[in-house]
Amino acid sequence: YEMDYEKLAEAINENTKVVIPVDIG
């Protein structure tokens, strides 16, 4: 149910300011 943290790293660029993880359940 969690983000793929390798894909999270790939998505980050110079415009990224915030990441919102979700504690589902």
PDB file of all heavy atoms in Angstrom:
ATOM      1  N   TYR A   1       0.822  -1.204   0.000  1.00  0.00           N
ATOM      2  CA  TYR A   1       0.000   0.000   0.000  1.00  0.00           C
ATOM      3  C   TYR A   1       0.863   1.263   0.000  1.00  0.00           C
ATOM      4  O   TYR A   1       0.330   2.371  -0.054  1.00  0.00           O
ATOM      5  CB  TYR A   1      -0.926   0.015   1.227  1.00  0.00           C
ATOM      6  CG  TYR A   1      -1.942  -1.102   1.228  1.00  0.00           C
ATOM      7  CD1 TYR A   1      -1.681  -2.299   1.889  1.00  0.00           C
ATOM      8  CD2 TYR A   1      -3.163  -0.968   0.568  1.00  0.00           C
ATOM      9  CE1 TYR A   1      -2.614  -3.335   1.891  1.00  0.00           C
ATOM     10  CE2 TYR A   1      -4.100  -1.994   0.572  1.00  0.00           C
ATOM     11  CZ  TYR A   1      -3.820  -3.176   1.231  1.00  0.00           C
ATOM     12  OH  TYR A   1      -4.734  -4.195   1.223  1.00  0.00           O
ATOM     13  N   GLU A   2       2.170   1.109   0.094  1.00  0.00           N
ATOM     14  CA  GLU A   2       3.086   2.250   0.146  1.00  0.00           C
ATOM     15  C   GLU A   2       3.649   2.582  -1.231  1.00  0.00           C
ATOM     16  O   GLU A   2       3.745   1.718  -2.104  1.00  0.00           O
ATOM     17  CB  GLU A   2       4.262   1.958   1.084  1.00  0.00           C
ATOM     18  CG  GLU A   2       3.905   1.861   2.534  1.00  0.00           C
ATOM     19  CD  GLU A   2       5.143   1.758   3.411  1.00  0.00           C
ATOM     20  OE1 GLU A   2       6.110   2.525   3.188  1.00  0.00           O
ATOM     21  OE2 GLU A   2       5.154   0.908   4.312  1.00  0.00           O
ATOM     22  N   MET A   3       4.084   3.813  -1.394  1.00  0.00           N
ATOM     23  CA  MET A   3       4.784   4.212  -2.600  1.00  0.00           C
ATOM     24  C   MET A   3       6.011   3.337  -2.835  1.00  0.00           C
ATOM     25  O   MET A   3       6.645   2.868  -1.891  1.00  0.00           O
ATOM     26  CB  MET A   3       5.254   5.669  -2.495  1.00  0.00           C
ATOM     27  CG  MET A   3       4.217   6.704  -2.823  1.00  0.00           C
ATOM     28  SD  MET A   3       4.930   8.384  -2.880  1.00  0.00           S
ATOM     29  CE  MET A   3       5.144   8.737  -1.138  1.00  0.00           C
ATOM     30  N   ASP A   4       6.366   3.181  -4.095  1.00  0.00           N
ATOM     31  CA  ASP A   4       7.643   2.582  -4.469  1.00  0.00           C
ATOM     32  C   ASP A   4       8.697   3.678  -4.301  1.00  0.00           C
ATOM     33  O   ASP A   4       8.693   4.674  -5.030  1.00  0.00           O
ATOM     34  CB  ASP A   4       7.589   2.097  -5.923  1.00  0.00           C
ATOM     35  CG  ASP A   4       8.861   1.382  -6.351  1.00  0.00           C
ATOM     36  OD1 ASP A   4       9.955   1.839  -5.971  1.00  0.00           O
ATOM     37  OD2 ASP A   4       8.757   0.387  -7.091  1.00  0.00           O
ATOM     38  N   TYR A   5       9.591   3.513  -3.327  1.00  0.00           N
ATOM     39  CA  TYR A   5      10.503   4.604  -2.995  1.00  0.00           C
ATOM     40  C   TYR A   5      11.604   4.794  -4.035  1.00  0.00           C
ATOM     41  O   TYR A   5      12.189   5.883  -4.128  1.00  0.00           O
ATOM     42  CB  TYR A   5      11.051   4.410  -1.587  1.00  0.00           C
ATOM     43  CG  TYR A   5       9.922   4.449  -0.569  1.00  0.00           C
ATOM     44  CD1 TYR A   5       9.685   3.388   0.294  1.00  0.00           C
ATOM     45  CD2 TYR A   5       9.047   5.538  -0.530  1.00  0.00           C
ATOM     46  CE1 TYR A   5       8.618   3.415   1.194  1.00  0.00           C
ATOM     47  CE2 TYR A   5       7.989   5.574   0.350  1.00  0.00           C
ATOM     48  CZ  TYR A   5       7.782   4.508   1.209  1.00  0.00           C
ATOM     49  OH  TYR A   5       6.716   4.547   2.082  1.00  0.00           O
ATOM     50  N   GLU A   6      11.882   3.778  -4.853  1.00  0.00           N
ATOM     51  CA  GLU A   6      12.792   3.979  -5.983  1.00  0.00           C
ATOM     52  C   GLU A   6      12.128   4.885  -7.020  1.00  0.00           C
ATOM     53  O   GLU A   6      12.769   5.776  -7.575  1.00  0.00           O
ATOM     54  CB  GLU A   6      13.174   2.632  -6.600  1.00  0.00           C
ATOM     55  CG  GLU A   6      14.081   1.785  -5.718  1.00  0.00           C
ATOM     56  CD  GLU A   6      14.511   0.504  -6.403  1.00  0.00           C
ATOM     57  OE1 GLU A   6      14.189   0.316  -7.605  1.00  0.00           O
ATOM     58  OE2 GLU A   6      15.180  -0.315  -5.741  1.00  0.00           O
ATOM     59  N   LYS A   7      10.848   4.655  -7.250  1.00  0.00           N
ATOM     60  CA  LYS A   7      10.111   5.518  -8.188  1.00  0.00           C
ATOM     61  C   LYS A   7       9.943   6.928  -7.622  1.00  0.00           C
ATOM     62  O   LYS A   7       9.932   7.912  -8.374  1.00  0.00           O
ATOM     63  CB  LYS A   7       8.751   4.900  -8.516  1.00  0.00           C
ATOM     64  CG  LYS A   7       8.818   3.679  -9.422  1.00  0.00           C
ATOM     65  CD  LYS A   7       7.436   3.211  -9.797  1.00  0.00           C
ATOM     66  CE  LYS A   7       7.466   2.144 -10.903  1.00  0.00           C
ATOM     67  NZ  LYS A   7       8.092   0.907 -10.501  1.00  0.00           N
ATOM     68  N   LEU A   8       9.806   7.030  -6.304  1.00  0.00           N
ATOM     69  CA  LEU A   8       9.761   8.348  -5.672  1.00  0.00           C
ATOM     70  C   LEU A   8      11.034   9.117  -5.980  1.00  0.00           C
ATOM     71  O   LEU A   8      10.989  10.294  -6.386  1.00  0.00           O
ATOM     72  CB  LEU A   8       9.588   8.207  -4.156  1.00  0.00           C
ATOM     73  CG  LEU A   8       9.792   9.476  -3.325  1.00  0.00           C
ATOM     74  CD1 LEU A   8       8.760  10.546  -3.680  1.00  0.00           C
ATOM     75  CD2 LEU A   8       9.731   9.164  -1.826  1.00  0.00           C
ATOM     76  N   ALA A   9      12.177   8.471  -5.817  1.00  0.00           N
ATOM     77  CA  ALA A   9      13.460   9.127  -6.081  1.00  0.00           C
ATOM     78  C   ALA A   9      13.546   9.592  -7.534  1.00  0.00           C
ATOM     79  O   ALA A   9      14.031  10.699  -7.823  1.00  0.00           O
ATOM     80  CB  ALA A   9      14.608   8.177  -5.753  1.00  0.00           C
ATOM     81  N   GLU A  10      13.053   8.755  -8.452  1.00  0.00           N
ATOM     82  CA  GLU A  10      13.097   9.093  -9.874  1.00  0.00           C
ATOM     83  C   GLU A  10      12.201  10.287 -10.206  1.00  0.00           C
ATOM     84  O   GLU A  10      12.480  11.033 -11.158  1.00  0.00           O
ATOM     85  CB  GLU A  10      12.663   7.885 -10.712  1.00  0.00           C
ATOM     86  CG  GLU A  10      13.640   6.713 -10.645  1.00  0.00           C
ATOM     87  CD  GLU A  10      13.056   5.441 -11.246  1.00  0.00           C
ATOM     88  OE1 GLU A  10      11.909   5.493 -11.752  1.00  0.00           O
ATOM     89  OE2 GLU A  10      13.733   4.400 -11.195  1.00  0.00           O
ATOM     90  N   ALA A  11      11.146  10.482  -9.423  1.00  0.00           N
ATOM     91  CA  ALA A  11      10.179  11.547  -9.722  1.00  0.00           C
ATOM     92  C   ALA A  11      10.615  12.920  -9.219  1.00  0.00           C
ATOM     93  O   ALA A  11      10.042  13.942  -9.612  1.00  0.00           O
ATOM     94  CB  ALA A  11       8.821  11.192  -9.112  1.00  0.00           C
ATOM     95  N   ILE A  12      11.619  12.969  -8.360  1.00  0.00           N
ATOM     96  CA  ILE A  12      12.042  14.232  -7.752  1.00  0.00           C
ATOM     97  C   ILE A  12      12.911  15.029  -8.724  1.00  0.00           C
ATOM     98  O   ILE A  12      13.832  14.491  -9.335  1.00  0.00           O
ATOM     99  CB  ILE A  12      12.802  13.964  -6.439  1.00  0.00           C
ATOM    100  CG1 ILE A  12      11.864  13.346  -5.399  1.00  0.00           C
ATOM    101  CG2 ILE A  12      13.417  15.258  -5.894  1.00  0.00           C
ATOM    102  CD1 ILE A  12      12.578  12.804  -4.169  1.00  0.00           C
ATOM    103  N   ASN A  13      12.598  16.321  -8.841  1.00  0.00           N
ATOM    104  CA  ASN A  13      13.419  17.220  -9.657  1.00  0.00           C
ATOM    105  C   ASN A  13      13.539  18.575  -8.958  1.00  0.00           C
ATOM    106  O   ASN A  13      13.132  18.708  -7.794  1.00  0.00           O
ATOM    107  CB  ASN A  13      12.833  17.365 -11.068  1.00  0.00           C
ATOM    108  CG  ASN A  13      11.415  17.924 -11.058  1.00  0.00           C
ATOM    109  OD1 ASN A  13      11.108  18.886 -10.347  1.00  0.00           O
ATOM    110  ND2 ASN A  13      10.535  17.325 -11.854  1.00  0.00           N
ATOM    111  N   GLU A  14      14.071  19.561  -9.647  1.00  0.00           N
ATOM    112  CA  GLU A  14      14.313  20.867  -9.026  1.00  0.00           C
ATOM    113  C   GLU A  14      13.031  21.621  -8.695  1.00  0.00           C
ATOM    114  O   GLU A  14      13.063  22.592  -7.926  1.00  0.00           O
ATOM    115  CB  GLU A  14      15.199  21.723  -9.933  1.00  0.00           C
ATOM    116  CG  GLU A  14      16.631  21.195 -10.056  1.00  0.00           C
ATOM    117  CD  GLU A  14      17.523  22.094 -10.882  1.00  0.00           C
ATOM    118  OE1 GLU A  14      16.976  22.993 -11.573  1.00  0.00           O
ATOM    119  OE2 GLU A  14      18.754  21.920 -10.841  1.00  0.00           O
ATOM    120  N   ASN A  15      11.910  21.188  -9.249  1.00  0.00           N
ATOM    121  CA  ASN A  15      10.633  21.838  -8.949  1.00  0.00           C
ATOM    122  C   ASN A  15       9.898  21.189  -7.772  1.00  0.00           C
ATOM    123  O   ASN A  15       8.906  21.741  -7.301  1.00  0.00           O
ATOM    124  CB  ASN A  15       9.725  21.805 -10.178  1.00  0.00           C
ATOM    125  CG  ASN A  15      10.295  22.589 -11.342  1.00  0.00           C
ATOM    126  OD1 ASN A  15      10.854  23.663 -11.148  1.00  0.00           O
ATOM    127  ND2 ASN A  15      10.175  22.045 -12.548  1.00  0.00           N
ATOM    128  N   THR A  16      10.392  20.034  -7.337  1.00  0.00           N
ATOM    129  CA  THR A  16       9.700  19.298  -6.272  1.00  0.00           C
ATOM    130  C   THR A  16       9.908  19.989  -4.931  1.00  0.00           C
ATOM    131  O   THR A  16      11.033  20.267  -4.530  1.00  0.00           O
ATOM    132  CB  THR A  16      10.222  17.851  -6.178  1.00  0.00           C
ATOM    133  OG1 THR A  16      10.184  17.243  -7.467  1.00  0.00           O
ATOM    134  CG2 THR A  16       9.365  17.045  -5.212  1.00  0.00           C
ATOM    135  N   LYS A  17       8.808  20.257  -4.256  1.00  0.00           N
ATOM    136  CA  LYS A  17       8.888  20.911  -2.948  1.00  0.00           C
ATOM    137  C   LYS A  17       8.442  20.002  -1.806  1.00  0.00           C
ATOM    138  O   LYS A  17       8.962  20.102  -0.694  1.00  0.00           O
ATOM    139  CB  LYS A  17       8.010  22.180  -2.943  1.00  0.00           C
ATOM    140  CG  LYS A  17       8.525  23.293  -3.842  1.00  0.00           C
ATOM    141  CD  LYS A  17       9.865  23.825  -3.357  1.00  0.00           C
ATOM    142  CE  LYS A  17      10.289  25.086  -4.098  1.00  0.00           C
ATOM    143  NZ  LYS A  17      10.652  24.822  -5.501  1.00  0.00           N
ATOM    144  N   VAL A  18       7.459  19.125  -2.072  1.00  0.00           N
ATOM    145  CA  VAL A  18       6.847  18.338  -1.000  1.00  0.00           C
ATOM    146  C   VAL A  18       6.587  16.917  -1.483  1.00  0.00           C
ATOM    147  O   VAL A  18       6.228  16.699  -2.644  1.00  0.00           O
ATOM    148  CB  VAL A  18       5.508  18.982  -0.548  1.00  0.00           C
ATOM    149  CG1 VAL A  18       4.745  18.068   0.423  1.00  0.00           C
ATOM    150  CG2 VAL A  18       5.754  20.348   0.093  1.00  0.00           C
ATOM    151  N   VAL A  19       6.761  15.962  -0.582  1.00  0.00           N
ATOM    152  CA  VAL A  19       6.283  14.597  -0.800  1.00  0.00           C
ATOM    153  C   VAL A  19       5.284  14.282   0.306  1.00  0.00           C
ATOM    154  O   VAL A  19       5.501  14.624   1.474  1.00  0.00           O
ATOM    155  CB  VAL A  19       7.431  13.571  -0.827  1.00  0.00           C
ATOM    156  CG1 VAL A  19       8.242  13.589   0.459  1.00  0.00           C
ATOM    157  CG2 VAL A  19       6.893  12.160  -1.070  1.00  0.00           C
ATOM    158  N   ILE A  20       4.159  13.658  -0.077  1.00  0.00           N
ATOM    159  CA  ILE A  20       3.108  13.333   0.881  1.00  0.00           C
ATOM    160  C   ILE A  20       2.944  11.814   0.952  1.00  0.00           C
ATOM    161  O   ILE A  20       2.219  11.225   0.143  1.00  0.00           O
ATOM    162  CB  ILE A  20       1.763  13.984   0.504  1.00  0.00           C
ATOM    163  CG1 ILE A  20       1.922  15.492   0.281  1.00  0.00           C
ATOM    164  CG2 ILE A  20       0.728  13.716   1.596  1.00  0.00           C
ATOM    165  CD1 ILE A  20       0.634  16.195  -0.155  1.00  0.00           C
ATOM    166  N   PRO A  21       3.611  11.148   1.893  1.00  0.00           N
ATOM    167  CA  PRO A  21       3.338   9.725   2.116  1.00  0.00           C
ATOM    168  C   PRO A  21       2.003   9.563   2.835  1.00  0.00           C
ATOM    169  O   PRO A  21       1.528  10.499   3.502  1.00  0.00           O
ATOM    170  CB  PRO A  21       4.504   9.271   2.995  1.00  0.00           C
ATOM    171  CG  PRO A  21       4.985  10.513   3.667  1.00  0.00           C
ATOM    172  CD  PRO A  21       4.639  11.670   2.780  1.00  0.00           C
ATOM    173  N   VAL A  22       1.391   8.395   2.697  1.00  0.00           N
ATOM    174  CA  VAL A  22       0.055   8.161   3.247  1.00  0.00           C
ATOM    175  C   VAL A  22       0.074   6.927   4.138  1.00  0.00           C
ATOM    176  O   VAL A  22       0.391   5.826   3.682  1.00  0.00           O
ATOM    177  CB  VAL A  22      -0.983   7.974   2.116  1.00  0.00           C
ATOM    178  CG1 VAL A  22      -2.390   7.907   2.703  1.00  0.00           C
ATOM    179  CG2 VAL A  22      -0.882   9.094   1.086  1.00  0.00           C
ATOM    180  N   ASP A  23      -0.284   7.111   5.403  1.00  0.00           N
ATOM    181  CA  ASP A  23      -0.319   6.005   6.375  1.00  0.00           C
ATOM    182  C   ASP A  23      -1.662   5.285   6.283  1.00  0.00           C
ATOM    183  O   ASP A  23      -2.524   5.382   7.170  1.00  0.00           O
ATOM    184  CB  ASP A  23      -0.098   6.537   7.796  1.00  0.00           C
ATOM    185  CG  ASP A  23       1.246   7.218   7.969  1.00  0.00           C
ATOM    186  OD1 ASP A  23       2.206   6.835   7.282  1.00  0.00           O
ATOM    187  OD2 ASP A  23       1.335   8.139   8.797  1.00  0.00           O
ATOM    188  N   ILE A  24      -1.854   4.541   5.198  1.00  0.00           N
ATOM    189  CA  ILE A  24      -3.145   3.913   4.924  1.00  0.00           C
ATOM    190  C   ILE A  24      -3.486   2.869   5.991  1.00  0.00           C
ATOM    191  O   ILE A  24      -2.648   2.050   6.367  1.00  0.00           O
ATOM    192  CB  ILE A  24      -3.144   3.270   3.525  1.00  0.00           C
ATOM    193  CG1 ILE A  24      -3.046   4.357   2.451  1.00  0.00           C
ATOM    194  CG2 ILE A  24      -4.403   2.428   3.315  1.00  0.00           C
ATOM    195  CD1 ILE A  24      -2.975   3.827   1.041  1.00  0.00           C
ATOM    196  N   GLY A  25      -4.714   2.930   6.462  1.00  0.00           N
ATOM    197  CA  GLY A  25      -5.193   1.964   7.442  1.00  0.00           C
ATOM    198  C   GLY A  25      -4.639   2.167   8.838  1.00  0.00           C
ATOM    199  O   GLY A  25      -4.907   1.371   9.740  1.00  0.00           O
TER     200      GLY A  25
END
